[in-house]
């Protein structure tokens, strides 16, 4: 079986959609002997794709003629079909909300992964032009694809509710995370990272883009009520980040907060494994990868009530109203003072997150692909 992937974000995006694309390609090509074709407008020297170099069942494809190279978006959405047919692709998987126009008129089976429909739930967070583009692409892909993968039950219900797609066309297949978060890291390696970034002895951790939906400001308001706690923020942003940085300065929190970005996955794993608690107060997500990264790292998790968060965090994480700094403070204090609660969260959380291992996700994906053929 020959499986093609829309691999643009695997090569160009180092956050959520890129990680999902790379992890999907990595675990499938490692677990199965099928041929996997990665279609990307251009290659890159992304070190997170080093695994592709020694796997004979991975084939990278880029536009061949000048026209398609210059108009790579058109190639990716339309003329790529000629390449798929030439490569005798059996299944084409759009890893991030899109599939080529006209693929439904070929013999190639098509799958699209929908991560979330946040632009419909929180339209004020997006420009009108972005909302129109997303709606056209996402809705069209869901209608035309042979089948849809939703990354959570929450996303599945949103697809049904907003797009009126039949439930039987949608399969929930959870995503995982890099194996680096699933391995215990040597203490000397952690020490090197600590020296590089001047890490606190004890700290809470926040991981995610610094944008309004991720709700970092409420966490900062909570920290103001916890004078003995430090916080490491891993993420970057624009306008909302500036608002958060102003709050940090105005409330004299600079000495207790370290804002980092551009870390390698190895460095992030070092941070997780020594953090006291991951605080993830997002208002809404398609899934919430930092939650399972923390659970694999044996780090307790405090995250938001409702949505997909319980799917990622399991029964032993603590769930709070993300807009309530008081609830966040109470949850942190409860974990601090109750060693038995902390150990329960660590052990039960680590057991729960085993449902997101590479092997289980790869098996679920391949079973899904074979059902289409």
Protein backbone atom coordinates (compact mmCIF):
# COMPACT_ATOMS: atom_id res chain seq x y z
CA UNK A 1 0.00 0.00 0.00
CA UNK A 2 1.26 3.48 -0.90
CA UNK A 3 0.22 6.28 1.43
CA UNK A 4 0.74 9.95 0.57
CA UNK A 5 0.81 12.81 3.06
CA UNK A 6 0.39 16.54 2.80
CA UNK A 7 3.75 17.14 4.49
CA UNK A 8 4.06 20.92 4.16
CA UNK A 9 3.75 21.54 7.88
CA UNK A 10 6.01 18.62 8.76
CA UNK A 11 8.80 20.57 7.04
CA UNK A 12 7.89 24.15 7.93
CA UNK A 13 6.01 24.23 11.24
CA UNK A 14 7.66 23.52 14.60
CA UNK A 15 4.52 23.72 16.73
CA UNK A 16 1.21 21.85 16.91
CA UNK A 17 0.31 20.98 13.32
CA UNK A 18 3.96 20.36 12.45
CA UNK A 19 4.44 18.06 15.42
CA UNK A 20 1.30 16.10 14.54
CA UNK A 21 2.49 15.69 10.93
CA UNK A 22 6.00 14.59 11.90
CA UNK A 23 4.83 12.22 14.61
CA UNK A 24 2.29 10.59 12.29
CA UNK A 25 4.92 10.03 9.59
CA UNK A 26 7.54 8.90 12.12
CA UNK A 27 5.49 6.29 13.94
CA UNK A 28 3.92 4.81 10.80
CA UNK A 29 7.19 4.54 8.86
CA UNK A 30 8.84 2.91 11.86
CA UNK A 31 6.07 0.40 12.57
CA UNK A 32 5.08 -0.62 9.05
CA UNK A 33 6.79 -1.51 5.76
CA UNK A 34 4.34 0.35 3.52
CA UNK A 35 5.72 3.11 1.28
CA UNK A 36 5.07 6.63 2.58
CA UNK A 37 5.26 9.63 0.22
CA UNK A 38 5.75 13.11 1.68
CA UNK A 39 4.50 15.91 -0.57
CA UNK A 40 5.91 19.31 0.36
CA UNK A 41 6.33 22.59 -1.56
CA UNK A 42 9.97 22.64 -0.45
CA UNK A 43 12.39 20.67 1.68
CA UNK A 44 14.02 22.10 4.79
CA UNK A 45 16.84 21.26 7.15
CA UNK A 46 14.44 20.71 10.04
CA UNK A 47 16.32 18.50 12.49
CA UNK A 48 13.04 17.08 13.71
CA UNK A 49 12.83 15.26 10.36
CA UNK A 50 16.22 13.55 10.69
CA UNK A 51 14.44 10.21 11.07
CA UNK A 52 13.47 10.35 7.38
CA UNK A 53 17.08 10.11 6.22
CA UNK A 54 17.60 6.42 6.98
CA UNK A 55 14.13 5.02 6.29
CA UNK A 56 13.93 3.45 2.87
CA UNK A 57 10.13 3.44 2.92
CA UNK A 58 9.96 7.26 3.03
CA UNK A 59 9.94 9.15 -0.29
CA UNK A 60 9.96 12.96 -0.40
CA UNK A 61 8.28 14.72 -3.32
CA UNK A 62 8.47 18.41 -4.26
CA UNK A 63 7.08 20.30 -7.32
CA UNK A 64 9.05 19.30 -10.41
CA UNK A 65 8.55 22.18 -12.85
CA UNK A 66 9.07 25.92 -12.48
CA UNK A 67 5.34 26.71 -12.68
CA UNK A 68 4.49 24.47 -9.72
CA UNK A 69 7.49 25.68 -7.72
CA UNK A 70 6.48 29.31 -8.21
CA UNK A 71 2.81 28.60 -7.51
CA UNK A 72 3.36 26.00 -4.79
CA UNK A 73 -0.02 26.67 -3.16
CA UNK A 74 -1.76 25.84 -6.45
CA UNK A 75 0.37 22.70 -6.80
CA UNK A 76 -0.52 21.60 -3.30
CA UNK A 77 -4.25 22.15 -3.78
CA UNK A 78 -4.70 21.09 -7.43
CA UNK A 79 -1.90 19.97 -9.75
CA UNK A 80 -0.43 17.64 -7.13
CA UNK A 81 -3.01 15.12 -8.35
CA UNK A 82 -0.79 14.31 -11.34
CA UNK A 83 2.05 13.42 -8.97
CA UNK A 84 -0.22 11.30 -6.78
CA UNK A 85 -1.44 9.34 -9.80
CA UNK A 86 2.10 8.93 -11.16
CA UNK A 87 3.26 7.62 -7.77
CA UNK A 88 0.29 5.21 -7.67
CA UNK A 89 -0.88 6.49 -4.30
CA UNK A 90 -3.62 4.37 -2.71
CA UNK A 91 -4.51 6.73 0.16
CA UNK A 92 -3.80 10.44 0.51
CA UNK A 93 -3.94 11.89 4.02
CA UNK A 94 -4.34 15.64 4.48
CA UNK A 95 -2.73 16.00 7.88
CA UNK A 96 -3.97 19.53 8.54
CA UNK A 97 -7.52 20.30 7.42
CA UNK A 98 -7.01 20.16 3.63
CA UNK A 99 -7.07 17.75 0.69
CA UNK A 100 -6.48 18.52 -3.02
CA UNK A 101 -9.39 19.74 -5.13
CA UNK A 102 -10.60 16.99 -7.45
CA UNK A 103 -9.10 14.05 -5.56
CA UNK A 104 -12.64 12.76 -5.11
CA UNK A 105 -12.78 12.24 -8.89
CA UNK A 106 -9.80 9.85 -8.83
CA UNK A 107 -9.41 6.31 -7.50
CA UNK A 108 -7.29 7.59 -4.62
CA UNK A 109 -8.93 7.27 -1.21
CA UNK A 110 -8.69 10.50 0.78
CA UNK A 111 -8.52 11.22 4.50
CA UNK A 112 -8.41 14.59 6.23
CA UNK A 113 -7.47 15.26 9.86
CA UNK A 114 -9.44 18.01 11.54
CA UNK A 115 -7.73 19.28 14.67
CA UNK A 116 -10.28 21.83 15.82
CA UNK A 117 -12.90 24.32 14.65
CA UNK A 118 -11.81 27.10 16.99
CA UNK A 119 -12.39 29.75 14.32
CA UNK A 120 -16.11 28.95 14.56
CA UNK A 121 -16.24 28.73 18.36
CA UNK A 122 -14.18 31.87 18.95
CA UNK A 123 -14.61 33.95 15.77
CA UNK A 124 -13.43 37.17 17.44
CA UNK A 125 -9.93 35.70 17.73
CA UNK A 126 -9.60 35.55 13.92
CA UNK A 127 -9.78 38.10 11.14
CA UNK A 128 -12.79 37.89 8.83
CA UNK A 129 -10.63 36.88 5.86
CA UNK A 130 -8.98 34.06 7.85
CA UNK A 131 -12.37 32.79 8.98
CA UNK A 132 -13.60 32.69 5.38
CA UNK A 133 -10.48 30.87 4.14
CA UNK A 134 -10.58 28.32 6.97
CA UNK A 135 -14.29 27.70 6.52
CA UNK A 136 -13.98 27.14 2.79
CA UNK A 137 -11.03 24.75 3.14
CA UNK A 138 -12.17 22.81 6.20
CA UNK A 139 -15.79 22.42 5.16
CA UNK A 140 -14.86 21.42 1.61
CA UNK A 141 -12.33 18.84 2.80
CA UNK A 142 -14.84 17.27 5.20
CA UNK A 143 -17.48 17.00 2.47
CA UNK A 144 -15.15 15.61 -0.23
CA UNK A 145 -12.92 13.26 1.81
CA UNK A 146 -13.76 9.59 1.98
CA UNK A 147 -13.24 9.72 5.71
CA UNK A 148 -12.31 12.17 8.47
CA UNK A 149 -10.00 11.79 11.44
CA UNK A 150 -10.86 13.92 14.47
CA UNK A 151 -8.14 14.26 17.11
CA UNK A 152 -10.69 14.17 19.96
CA UNK A 153 -14.32 13.42 20.69
CA UNK A 154 -14.77 17.17 21.19
CA UNK A 155 -13.57 17.86 17.65
CA UNK A 156 -15.77 15.07 16.29
CA UNK A 157 -18.86 16.61 17.87
CA UNK A 158 -17.90 20.03 16.50
CA UNK A 159 -17.60 18.62 12.96
CA UNK A 160 -21.04 17.07 13.28
CA UNK A 161 -22.56 20.21 14.80
CA UNK A 162 -21.03 22.89 12.57
CA UNK A 163 -20.65 21.03 9.26
CA UNK A 164 -23.56 18.55 9.55
CA UNK A 165 -21.25 15.66 8.61
CA UNK A 166 -22.64 12.15 9.32
CA UNK A 167 -21.13 10.66 12.45
CA UNK A 168 -20.19 7.41 10.70
CA UNK A 169 -17.82 9.32 8.40
CA UNK A 170 -15.68 10.50 11.35
CA UNK A 171 -13.17 8.40 13.28
CA UNK A 172 -11.52 9.65 16.47
CA UNK A 173 -7.83 8.74 16.52
CA UNK A 174 -5.87 10.44 19.25
CA UNK A 175 -2.47 11.95 18.62
CA UNK A 176 0.63 11.30 20.64
CA UNK A 177 3.87 13.17 21.22
CA UNK A 178 7.57 12.77 20.58
CA UNK A 179 9.23 9.79 22.27
CA UNK A 180 11.70 12.20 23.91
CA UNK A 181 8.96 13.03 26.42
CA UNK A 182 8.43 9.33 27.11
CA UNK A 183 12.02 8.66 28.22
CA UNK A 184 13.80 9.52 31.45
CA UNK A 185 16.60 11.98 30.74
CA UNK A 186 20.02 11.74 32.38
CA UNK A 187 20.51 14.21 35.25
CA UNK A 188 23.71 15.55 33.71
CA UNK A 189 21.80 16.46 30.55
CA UNK A 190 19.18 18.23 32.63
CA UNK A 191 21.93 20.11 34.49
CA UNK A 192 23.38 21.37 31.19
CA UNK A 193 20.00 22.70 30.11
CA UNK A 194 19.48 24.33 33.50
CA UNK A 195 22.78 26.16 33.21
CA UNK A 196 22.01 27.27 29.65
CA UNK A 197 18.67 28.83 30.58
CA UNK A 198 19.36 29.78 34.21
CA UNK A 199 16.52 27.58 35.44
CA UNK A 200 14.93 28.00 38.90
CA UNK A 201 15.39 25.25 41.51
CA UNK A 202 11.62 24.77 41.71
CA UNK A 203 9.09 25.95 39.18
CA UNK A 204 5.66 25.63 37.65
CA UNK A 205 5.56 25.33 33.86
CA UNK A 206 3.35 26.67 31.07
CA UNK A 207 3.79 25.41 27.49
CA UNK A 208 1.99 26.85 24.48
CA UNK A 209 1.67 29.77 22.12
CA UNK A 210 1.19 33.00 24.03
CA UNK A 211 -2.16 34.06 22.61
CA UNK A 212 -5.48 35.11 24.09
CA UNK A 213 -7.14 31.70 23.77
CA UNK A 214 -4.33 30.05 25.75
CA UNK A 215 -5.14 32.39 28.65
CA UNK A 216 -1.67 32.86 30.15
CA UNK A 217 -2.72 36.14 31.79
CA UNK A 218 -4.98 34.34 34.27
CA UNK A 219 -2.05 32.14 35.28
CA UNK A 220 0.08 35.24 35.82
CA UNK A 221 -2.65 36.67 38.05
CA UNK A 222 -2.55 33.42 40.02
CA UNK A 223 1.23 33.63 40.41
CA UNK A 224 0.87 37.05 41.98
CA UNK A 225 -1.04 35.30 44.80
CA UNK A 226 1.73 32.67 45.20
CA UNK A 227 4.81 34.64 46.31
CA UNK A 228 6.96 31.52 46.81
CA UNK A 229 6.38 30.01 43.36
CA UNK A 230 8.36 30.48 40.15
CA UNK A 231 7.14 29.97 36.59
CA UNK A 232 8.80 28.95 33.35
CA UNK A 233 6.86 29.88 30.21
CA UNK A 234 7.79 28.03 27.01
CA UNK A 235 6.21 29.69 24.00
CA UNK A 236 6.10 32.79 21.88
CA UNK A 237 3.48 35.22 20.68
CA UNK A 238 2.73 38.70 19.43
CA UNK A 239 0.21 41.24 20.73
CA UNK A 240 -1.10 39.11 23.62
CA UNK A 241 2.47 38.25 24.64
CA UNK A 242 3.21 41.97 24.94
CA UNK A 243 0.17 42.32 27.21
CA UNK A 244 1.46 39.49 29.40
CA UNK A 245 4.96 40.95 29.53
CA UNK A 246 3.53 44.29 30.64
CA UNK A 247 1.63 42.56 33.44
CA UNK A 248 4.80 40.78 34.56
CA UNK A 249 6.71 44.06 34.71
CA UNK A 250 3.94 46.10 36.34
CA UNK A 251 3.51 43.49 39.10
CA UNK A 252 7.24 42.98 39.76
CA UNK A 253 7.22 39.33 38.71
CA UNK A 254 10.37 39.43 36.53
CA UNK A 255 12.52 37.65 39.12
CA UNK A 256 10.09 34.73 39.35
CA UNK A 257 9.27 34.20 35.68
CA UNK A 258 11.46 32.97 32.85
CA UNK A 259 9.98 33.28 29.33
CA UNK A 260 11.68 30.96 26.81
CA UNK A 261 11.17 30.11 23.15
CA UNK A 262 12.98 28.20 20.43
CA UNK A 263 13.85 25.24 22.65
CA UNK A 264 14.63 21.84 21.16
CA UNK A 265 12.33 18.96 22.07
CA UNK A 266 15.15 17.56 24.23
CA UNK A 267 15.39 20.83 26.15
CA UNK A 268 11.61 20.96 26.58
CA UNK A 269 11.63 17.41 27.93
CA UNK A 270 14.28 18.41 30.48
CA UNK A 271 12.01 21.23 31.64
CA UNK A 272 8.95 19.00 31.95
CA UNK A 273 10.78 16.35 33.96
CA UNK A 274 11.77 18.74 36.73
CA UNK A 275 8.67 20.94 36.79
CA UNK A 276 6.45 20.81 39.86
CA UNK A 277 3.18 21.15 37.91
CA UNK A 278 2.08 21.91 34.35
CA UNK A 279 -0.57 24.64 34.34
CA UNK A 280 -2.55 24.60 31.08
CA UNK A 281 -5.47 27.06 31.45
CA UNK A 282 -6.48 27.21 27.78
CA UNK A 283 -10.04 28.25 26.99
CA UNK A 284 -10.39 25.71 24.18
CA UNK A 285 -8.25 23.18 22.28
CA UNK A 286 -8.64 20.47 19.71
CA UNK A 287 -6.70 18.15 22.00
CA UNK A 288 -3.91 19.59 24.19
CA UNK A 289 -0.54 17.97 23.49
CA UNK A 290 1.33 19.63 26.42
CA UNK A 291 -0.97 17.71 28.76
CA UNK A 292 0.19 14.30 27.55
CA UNK A 293 3.80 15.50 27.29
CA UNK A 294 3.59 16.37 31.00
CA UNK A 295 1.91 13.10 31.97
CA UNK A 296 4.58 11.09 30.15
CA UNK A 297 7.14 13.20 32.05
CA UNK A 298 5.50 12.28 35.39
CA UNK A 299 4.48 15.87 36.00
CA UNK A 300 1.07 16.62 37.59
CA UNK A 301 -1.35 18.59 35.43
CA UNK A 302 -3.81 21.37 36.21
CA UNK A 303 -5.96 22.22 33.20
CA UNK A 304 -9.39 23.47 32.16
CA UNK A 305 -12.82 22.00 32.74
CA UNK A 306 -14.89 20.92 29.74
CA UNK A 307 -13.91 20.52 26.10
CA UNK A 308 -11.26 17.99 25.19
CA UNK A 309 -9.09 18.48 28.27
CA UNK A 310 -10.41 15.48 30.19
CA UNK A 311 -9.71 13.27 27.17
CA UNK A 312 -6.04 14.24 27.32
CA UNK A 313 -5.65 14.58 31.09
CA UNK A 314 -7.60 11.57 32.31
CA UNK A 315 -9.38 11.13 35.65
CA UNK A 316 -6.51 12.18 37.93
CA UNK A 317 -5.53 15.58 36.58
CA UNK A 318 -7.11 18.58 38.30
CA UNK A 319 -9.65 20.61 36.32
CA UNK A 320 -10.38 24.27 37.01
CA UNK A 321 -12.35 27.17 35.59
CA UNK A 322 -9.61 28.63 33.35
CA UNK A 323 -10.78 32.21 34.00
CA UNK A 324 -10.59 31.81 37.78
CA UNK A 325 -7.18 32.63 39.23
CA UNK A 326 -8.55 31.60 42.64
CA UNK A 327 -9.28 28.06 41.44
CA UNK A 328 -5.79 27.80 39.94
CA UNK A 329 -4.21 28.99 43.21
CA UNK A 330 -6.26 26.52 45.26
CA UNK A 331 -5.33 23.61 42.97
CA UNK A 332 -1.61 24.46 43.18
CA UNK A 333 -1.73 24.74 46.98
CA UNK A 334 -3.60 21.42 47.27
CA UNK A 335 -0.91 19.60 45.30
CA UNK A 336 1.85 21.34 47.27
CA UNK A 337 0.54 20.34 50.69
CA UNK A 338 -0.73 16.82 49.89
CA UNK A 339 2.11 14.42 48.97
CA UNK A 340 -0.31 11.52 48.56
CA UNK A 341 -2.38 13.52 46.06
CA UNK A 342 0.76 14.46 44.14
CA UNK A 343 1.95 10.85 43.95
CA UNK A 344 -1.49 9.69 42.87
CA UNK A 345 -1.59 12.28 40.09
CA UNK A 346 1.89 11.28 38.91
CA UNK A 347 1.38 7.50 38.97
CA UNK A 348 -2.20 7.37 37.70
CA UNK A 349 -1.49 10.04 35.10
CA UNK A 350 1.49 8.08 33.78
CA UNK A 351 -0.62 4.92 33.57
CA UNK A 352 -3.43 6.76 31.79
CA UNK A 353 -1.17 8.34 29.16
CA UNK A 354 0.01 4.92 27.93
CA UNK A 355 -3.04 4.97 25.64
CA UNK A 356 -1.15 7.59 23.61
CA UNK A 357 2.02 5.58 22.92
CA UNK A 358 3.46 5.40 19.40
CA UNK A 359 2.58 1.74 19.04
CA UNK A 360 -1.11 2.20 19.85
CA UNK A 361 -1.54 5.24 17.64
CA UNK A 362 0.32 3.62 14.71
CA UNK A 363 -1.83 0.50 15.01
CA UNK A 364 -5.04 2.55 15.07
CA UNK A 365 -4.00 4.58 12.03
CA UNK A 366 -2.99 1.58 9.93
CA UNK A 367 -6.17 -0.28 10.84
CA UNK A 368 -8.10 2.81 9.73
CA UNK A 369 -6.23 3.05 6.40
CA UNK A 370 -6.81 -0.63 5.63
CA UNK A 371 -10.51 -0.23 6.29
CA UNK A 372 -10.66 2.30 3.45
CA UNK A 373 -9.05 -0.06 0.98
